[in-house]
Amino acid sequence: MIWYKNNDNDIVISTRIRLARNLDGVPFPNALSDKAAATEKIKAALGGGNSALAKDLDFIDLDKSDPEHKARLAEEHLISPQMLKGKGQSVYVSKDRTMSIMLMEEDHIRLQVIMAGNALDEAYDLADKIDSVIEENVTYAFDESFGYLTACPTNAGTGMRASLMLHLPALTLTKNIKNVVASAGGMGIAVRGLYGEGTSAEGNFYQISNQVTMGVTEKEIIEKLKTVTDRIIDMEKKARAVLEKNSPNELADKVCRSYGILKYARKLSSSEAKSLISDVMLGRGMGIIKEKGKILPMECMIMSAPSIIGGGKLGADERDIKRAEFIRENI
């Protein structure tokens, strides 16, 4: 199931497990002159190790993809934003959009599983199985002391980044989000924007992920992230209760105004749409907005992203008009 379709989670939106792996004896991508040879080696491993897996994956050569197609993959969170400008890179994407295997990003392999809601155990189990299939046919760069070797030392060890996309509008409105960031950081958990490192928290969406990958096990990483997530969920719920108790009319006015704009606006920028959709998600989650749209707000947000709504054929104004029309008809 595509992570953003039929996704009615309003706090924990999605789960991602990412494993960084490199081929033994092959320079990291930033120092690799022949990326094609390394790519072919990995392609052979995926095709030879499990024919069922190979049939479920579509291979995309990003050098041969137009900018809009690559941007769409990034907006669906199937490739990293860093892959929009790179050369010699490619990606495997599963037909259900649950898994992607990025080749020649910062590391030779970035295996990613992304699922709707809070699904850390399920996502890790799938990532681990696919990782084992690949490892049957290639030798990974591994050291007994340091674990899996990666281009960036902060990823060495398990090579795993586990992350959750959280929707935290009440903590943002009550100005408690800084406390969340500080508290999570004290426990070794990073808080980043919507598209991960170096991005902003558009629409009150944040990604939390482990900072430490060495000297811990995958299970320990997941358990710590679960603990922190549970605390943040509790804080968000308490912040919502505070808003409902102290300023119910102001809250209802805010979310209903946002819903009204989405229902009737003729032009919407991507940034504005994210902010308004966040309000509607909050309103529906708290029972303020009862109406149901044709599709859920998260799918509206992803499907109205610039490269998806415009397909590279529309100018900015035309895209904003089409985005507003799409959201009016579906929200």
Protein backbone atom coordinates (compact mmCIF):
# COMPACT_ATOMS: atom_id res chain seq x y z
CA MET A 1 0.00 0.00 0.00
CA ILE A 2 1.34 3.43 -0.99
CA TRP A 3 2.09 5.15 2.31
CA TYR A 4 0.10 8.33 1.67
CA LYS A 5 -3.07 6.71 0.24
CA ASN A 6 -5.98 6.02 2.61
CA ASN A 7 -3.74 7.34 5.37
CA ASP A 8 -5.94 8.80 8.11
CA ASN A 9 -3.22 9.02 10.77
CA ASP A 10 -3.11 12.57 12.07
CA ILE A 11 -0.06 12.43 14.40
CA VAL A 12 2.26 9.61 13.29
CA ILE A 13 1.98 9.88 9.52
CA SER A 14 4.59 7.43 8.30
CA THR A 15 7.54 5.23 9.24
CA ARG A 16 10.79 4.91 7.34
CA ILE A 17 13.71 2.51 7.75
CA ARG A 18 16.84 3.28 5.75
CA LEU A 19 19.91 1.04 5.56
CA ALA A 20 23.20 2.36 4.16
CA ARG A 21 25.44 -0.26 2.55
CA ASN A 22 28.59 -0.28 0.42
CA LEU A 23 30.37 -2.85 -1.72
CA ASP A 24 33.57 -4.22 -0.26
CA GLY A 25 36.73 -3.03 -2.02
CA VAL A 26 34.91 -0.39 -4.09
CA PRO A 27 35.46 3.37 -3.42
CA PHE A 28 32.52 5.30 -2.05
CA PRO A 29 30.42 7.02 -4.76
CA ASN A 30 32.03 10.45 -4.28
CA ALA A 31 35.41 8.91 -5.16
CA LEU A 32 34.17 6.35 -7.69
CA SER A 33 35.02 6.94 -11.35
CA ASP A 34 33.00 4.01 -12.70
CA LYS A 35 29.61 4.09 -11.02
CA ALA A 36 28.08 2.06 -13.84
CA ALA A 37 30.12 -1.05 -13.00
CA ALA A 38 29.13 -0.92 -9.33
CA THR A 39 25.51 -0.34 -10.31
CA GLU A 40 25.53 -3.40 -12.60
CA LYS A 41 26.95 -5.51 -9.78
CA ILE A 42 24.09 -4.51 -7.50
CA LYS A 43 21.51 -5.01 -10.25
CA ALA A 44 22.82 -8.54 -10.77
CA ALA A 45 22.56 -9.19 -7.03
CA LEU A 46 18.94 -8.07 -6.95
CA GLY A 47 17.98 -9.99 -10.06
CA GLY A 48 19.87 -13.17 -9.22
CA GLY A 49 19.10 -13.50 -5.54
CA ASN A 50 15.32 -13.56 -5.69
CA SER A 51 13.37 -13.54 -8.95
CA ALA A 52 10.13 -12.62 -7.13
CA LEU A 53 11.85 -9.55 -5.71
CA ALA A 54 13.20 -8.54 -9.11
CA LYS A 55 9.72 -8.75 -10.64
CA ASP A 56 8.36 -6.44 -7.95
CA LEU A 57 10.93 -3.72 -8.63
CA ASP A 58 11.06 -1.10 -11.36
CA PHE A 59 14.53 0.20 -12.23
CA ILE A 60 14.82 3.93 -12.95
CA ASP A 61 17.99 5.45 -14.38
CA LEU A 62 17.88 8.98 -12.98
CA ASP A 63 20.31 10.26 -15.61
CA LYS A 64 17.67 9.39 -18.22
CA SER A 65 14.76 10.77 -16.21
CA ASP A 66 13.45 14.28 -16.74
CA PRO A 67 13.68 16.73 -13.80
CA GLU A 68 9.93 16.56 -13.12
CA HIS A 69 9.99 12.76 -12.80
CA LYS A 70 12.88 12.94 -10.37
CA ALA A 71 11.17 15.70 -8.40
CA ARG A 72 8.04 13.56 -8.13
CA LEU A 73 10.07 10.68 -6.70
CA ALA A 74 11.50 13.06 -4.11
CA GLU A 75 8.06 14.46 -3.27
CA GLU A 76 6.81 10.91 -2.73
CA HIS A 77 9.84 10.41 -0.44
CA LEU A 78 11.17 7.60 -2.66
CA ILE A 79 14.52 9.27 -3.32
CA SER A 80 16.43 11.83 -1.30
CA PRO A 81 16.48 15.51 -2.39
CA GLN A 82 20.26 15.08 -2.90
CA MET A 83 19.57 12.73 -5.83
CA LEU A 84 17.87 15.46 -7.85
CA LYS A 85 21.21 16.89 -9.02
CA GLY A 86 23.55 13.89 -8.92
CA LYS A 87 25.03 11.96 -11.83
CA GLY A 88 25.35 8.22 -12.34
CA GLN A 89 22.53 7.51 -9.91
CA SER A 90 19.51 5.23 -10.15
CA VAL A 91 16.77 3.76 -8.00
CA TYR A 92 14.66 0.64 -7.74
CA VAL A 93 11.06 1.30 -6.68
CA SER A 94 8.63 -1.41 -5.64
CA LYS A 95 5.31 -1.47 -7.45
CA ASP A 96 3.43 -0.64 -4.25
CA ARG A 97 5.80 2.29 -3.53
CA THR A 98 6.64 0.80 -0.12
CA MET A 99 10.32 0.25 -0.89
CA SER A 100 13.04 2.02 -2.82
CA ILE A 101 16.69 1.10 -3.27
CA MET A 102 18.78 4.15 -4.12
CA LEU A 103 22.05 3.43 -5.90
CA MET A 104 25.13 5.68 -5.87
CA GLU A 105 23.69 8.32 -3.57
CA GLU A 106 26.08 9.05 -0.68
CA ASP A 107 26.58 5.27 -0.38
CA HIS A 108 26.44 2.53 -3.01
CA ILE A 109 23.11 1.34 -1.61
CA ARG A 110 20.46 3.19 0.36
CA LEU A 111 17.70 0.68 1.01
CA GLN A 112 14.51 2.34 2.23
CA VAL A 113 11.14 1.02 3.38
CA ILE A 114 8.34 3.52 4.02
CA MET A 115 4.95 2.62 5.48
CA ALA A 116 1.90 4.48 6.72
CA GLY A 117 1.50 5.18 10.43
CA ASN A 118 3.61 3.85 13.28
CA ALA A 119 5.10 0.66 11.82
CA LEU A 120 8.71 0.49 13.00
CA ASP A 121 8.84 -3.26 13.52
CA GLU A 122 7.12 -4.12 10.24
CA ALA A 123 9.24 -1.71 8.22
CA TYR A 124 12.47 -2.98 9.76
CA ASP A 125 11.53 -6.62 9.16
CA LEU A 126 10.98 -5.94 5.46
CA ALA A 127 14.18 -3.89 5.11
CA ASP A 128 16.17 -6.61 6.86
CA LYS A 129 14.81 -9.32 4.54
CA ILE A 130 15.67 -7.35 1.39
CA ASP A 131 19.09 -6.51 2.82
CA SER A 132 19.74 -10.24 3.32
CA VAL A 133 18.74 -10.98 -0.30
CA ILE A 134 21.27 -8.46 -1.59
CA GLU A 135 23.98 -9.68 0.78
CA GLU A 136 23.61 -13.23 -0.57
CA ASN A 137 25.13 -12.02 -3.83
CA VAL A 138 27.54 -9.22 -2.92
CA THR A 139 30.06 -8.65 -0.15
CA TYR A 140 29.42 -5.60 1.96
CA ALA A 141 32.12 -3.33 3.34
CA PHE A 142 32.13 -4.41 6.98
CA ASP A 143 34.57 -4.16 9.87
CA GLU A 144 34.37 -6.19 13.08
CA SER A 145 35.03 -3.08 15.18
CA PHE A 146 33.12 -0.43 13.21
CA GLY A 147 30.29 -2.45 11.66
CA TYR A 148 29.03 -1.48 8.20
CA LEU A 149 31.35 1.10 6.64
CA THR A 150 29.68 4.17 5.16
CA ALA A 151 30.74 7.30 3.32
CA CYS A 152 29.74 9.44 6.31
CA PRO A 153 31.11 8.15 9.64
CA THR A 154 27.88 9.13 11.41
CA ASN A 155 26.10 6.31 9.54
CA ALA A 156 28.65 3.57 10.30
CA GLY A 157 27.84 0.68 12.60
CA THR A 158 24.33 -0.53 11.90
CA GLY A 159 24.06 1.83 8.92
CA MET A 160 20.43 2.29 9.95
CA ARG A 161 18.31 5.41 10.21
CA ALA A 162 14.85 4.80 11.57
CA SER A 163 12.49 7.74 11.29
CA LEU A 164 8.89 8.74 11.79
CA MET A 165 7.05 11.61 10.14
CA LEU A 166 5.02 13.37 12.82
CA HIS A 167 2.28 15.96 12.44
CA LEU A 168 2.56 18.30 15.44
CA PRO A 169 0.33 21.32 14.87
CA ALA A 170 -0.78 21.79 18.50
CA LEU A 171 2.78 21.74 19.83
CA THR A 172 3.65 24.31 17.18
CA LEU A 173 0.63 26.53 17.97
CA THR A 174 1.34 26.43 21.73
CA LYS A 175 5.02 27.20 21.01
CA ASN A 176 6.18 24.02 22.75
CA ILE A 177 7.87 22.52 19.72
CA LYS A 178 11.27 23.85 20.88
CA ASN A 179 10.90 21.81 24.05
CA VAL A 180 10.23 18.72 21.94
CA VAL A 181 13.33 19.30 19.84
CA ALA A 182 15.50 19.85 22.94
CA SER A 183 14.08 16.84 24.76
CA ALA A 184 14.48 14.54 21.75
CA GLY A 185 18.03 15.78 21.15
CA GLY A 186 18.92 14.93 24.74
CA MET A 187 17.92 11.34 24.04
CA GLY A 188 19.93 11.08 20.82
CA ILE A 189 16.99 11.69 18.49
CA ALA A 190 17.19 14.28 15.71
CA VAL A 191 14.19 16.40 14.69
CA ARG A 192 14.19 17.60 11.09
CA GLY A 193 11.84 19.00 8.45
CA LEU A 194 9.38 17.36 6.11
CA TYR A 195 11.97 15.97 3.69
CA GLY A 196 14.66 15.18 6.26
CA GLU A 197 18.04 16.74 6.84
CA GLY A 198 18.38 20.38 5.83
CA THR A 199 14.67 20.90 5.14
CA SER A 200 12.02 22.96 6.92
CA ALA A 201 9.00 21.72 8.87
CA GLU A 202 6.39 22.77 6.31
CA GLY A 203 2.79 22.21 7.39
CA ASN A 204 3.85 21.31 10.95
CA PHE A 205 5.36 18.04 9.71
CA TYR A 206 8.58 16.86 11.36
CA GLN A 207 10.82 13.84 10.93
CA ILE A 208 12.39 12.32 14.02
CA SER A 209 15.21 9.81 13.65
CA ASN A 210 18.07 8.20 15.54
CA GLN A 211 21.36 10.09 15.62
CA VAL A 212 23.54 7.20 16.84
CA THR A 213 24.18 4.23 14.55
CA MET A 214 27.37 2.78 16.08
CA GLY A 215 27.67 0.85 19.34
CA VAL A 216 23.96 0.01 19.37
CA THR A 217 21.82 -2.69 17.78
CA GLU A 218 18.97 -2.18 15.36
CA LYS A 219 16.54 -3.31 18.07
CA GLU A 220 17.92 -0.76 20.54
CA ILE A 221 17.53 2.02 17.96
CA ILE A 222 13.92 1.08 17.31
CA GLU A 223 13.05 0.75 21.00
CA LYS A 224 14.50 4.18 21.80
CA LEU A 225 12.62 5.74 18.90
CA LYS A 226 9.40 4.10 20.11
CA THR A 227 9.94 5.56 23.59
CA VAL A 228 10.55 9.08 22.27
CA THR A 229 7.63 8.83 19.84
CA ASP A 230 5.25 7.80 22.60
CA ARG A 231 6.33 10.85 24.63
CA ILE A 232 5.86 13.22 21.71
CA ILE A 233 2.43 11.76 20.90
CA ASP A 234 1.43 12.30 24.52
CA MET A 235 2.73 15.90 24.41
CA GLU A 236 0.84 16.62 21.18
CA LYS A 237 -2.39 15.21 22.61
CA LYS A 238 -1.99 17.27 25.77
CA ALA A 239 -1.32 20.39 23.68
CA ARG A 240 -4.51 19.71 21.71
CA ALA A 241 -6.44 19.36 24.98
CA VAL A 242 -5.04 22.70 26.16
CA LEU A 243 -6.14 24.40 22.94
CA GLU A 244 -9.58 22.82 23.17
CA LYS A 245 -10.00 23.94 26.79
CA ASN A 246 -8.49 27.41 26.69
CA SER A 247 -9.37 28.67 23.22
CA PRO A 248 -12.00 26.41 21.61
CA ASN A 249 -13.58 29.14 19.48
CA GLU A 250 -10.24 30.41 18.19
CA LEU A 251 -9.16 26.87 17.34
CA ALA A 252 -12.44 26.07 15.58
CA ASP A 253 -12.27 29.35 13.69
CA LYS A 254 -8.72 28.66 12.53
CA VAL A 255 -9.33 25.15 11.21
CA CYS A 256 -12.69 26.03 9.65
CA ARG A 257 -11.24 29.09 7.92
CA SER A 258 -8.48 26.88 6.49
CA TYR A 259 -11.07 24.34 5.34
CA GLY A 260 -13.08 27.11 3.71
CA ILE A 261 -10.05 28.41 1.83
CA LEU A 262 -9.23 24.93 0.55
CA LYS A 263 -12.84 24.41 -0.53
CA TYR A 264 -13.13 27.69 -2.42
CA ALA A 265 -9.67 29.10 -3.28
CA ARG A 266 -8.81 29.49 -6.97
CA LYS A 267 -5.04 29.67 -6.49
CA LEU A 268 -2.87 27.93 -3.88
CA SER A 269 0.89 27.77 -3.55
CA SER A 270 2.44 24.51 -2.40
CA SER A 271 3.54 26.02 0.91
CA GLU A 272 0.13 27.53 1.65
CA ALA A 273 -1.62 24.27 0.76
CA LYS A 274 0.54 22.31 3.20
CA SER A 275 -0.24 24.76 6.01
CA LEU A 276 -3.97 24.74 5.35
CA ILE A 277 -4.12 20.95 4.97
CA SER A 278 -2.33 20.64 8.31
CA ASP A 279 -5.13 22.71 9.91
CA VAL A 280 -7.78 20.49 8.33
CA MET A 281 -6.01 17.37 9.56
CA LEU A 282 -5.99 18.86 13.06
CA GLY A 283 -9.66 19.79 12.77
CA ARG A 284 -10.67 16.34 11.63
CA GLY A 285 -8.51 14.65 14.22
CA MET A 286 -10.21 16.68 16.96
CA GLY A 287 -13.70 16.23 15.57
CA ILE A 288 -14.17 19.90 14.67
CA ILE A 289 -14.55 19.22 10.93
CA LYS A 290 -17.00 16.41 10.25
CA GLU A 291 -17.07 16.47 6.44
CA LYS A 292 -15.10 13.83 4.56
CA GLY A 293 -13.51 14.41 1.19
CA LYS A 294 -13.04 12.09 -1.77
CA ILE A 295 -9.49 11.43 -0.59
CA LEU A 296 -7.80 12.03 2.74
CA PRO A 297 -5.78 15.23 3.44
CA MET A 298 -2.34 13.58 3.32
CA GLU A 299 -2.98 12.25 -0.18
CA CYS A 300 -4.25 15.70 -1.17
CA MET A 301 -0.98 17.20 0.03
CA ILE A 302 1.28 14.74 -1.81
CA MET A 303 -0.78 14.69 -5.01
CA SER A 304 -0.80 18.51 -5.16
CA ALA A 305 2.99 18.79 -4.84
CA PRO A 306 4.58 20.90 -7.64
CA SER A 307 5.96 18.22 -9.95
CA ILE A 308 2.95 15.94 -9.47
CA ILE A 309 0.22 18.51 -10.04
CA GLY A 310 2.08 20.27 -12.84
CA GLY A 311 4.05 17.49 -14.46
CA GLY A 312 6.66 19.97 -15.63
CA LYS A 313 4.33 21.40 -18.27
CA LEU A 314 2.81 24.23 -16.28
CA GLY A 315 4.14 27.56 -15.10
CA ALA A 316 3.93 28.55 -11.44
CA ASP A 317 0.59 30.40 -11.78
CA GLU A 318 -0.99 27.61 -13.80
CA ARG A 319 0.24 25.09 -11.24
CA ASP A 320 -1.26 27.09 -8.36
CA ILE A 321 -4.61 27.23 -10.20
CA LYS A 322 -4.59 23.50 -10.92
CA ARG A 323 -3.56 22.72 -7.31
CA ALA A 324 -6.48 24.73 -5.96
CA GLU A 325 -8.88 23.00 -8.36
CA PHE A 326 -7.60 19.53 -7.40
CA ILE A 327 -7.90 20.25 -3.68
CA ARG A 328 -11.38 21.84 -4.04
CA GLU A 329 -12.64 18.70 -5.74
CA ASN A 330 -11.05 16.24 -3.32
CA ILE A 331 -10.65 17.71 0.18
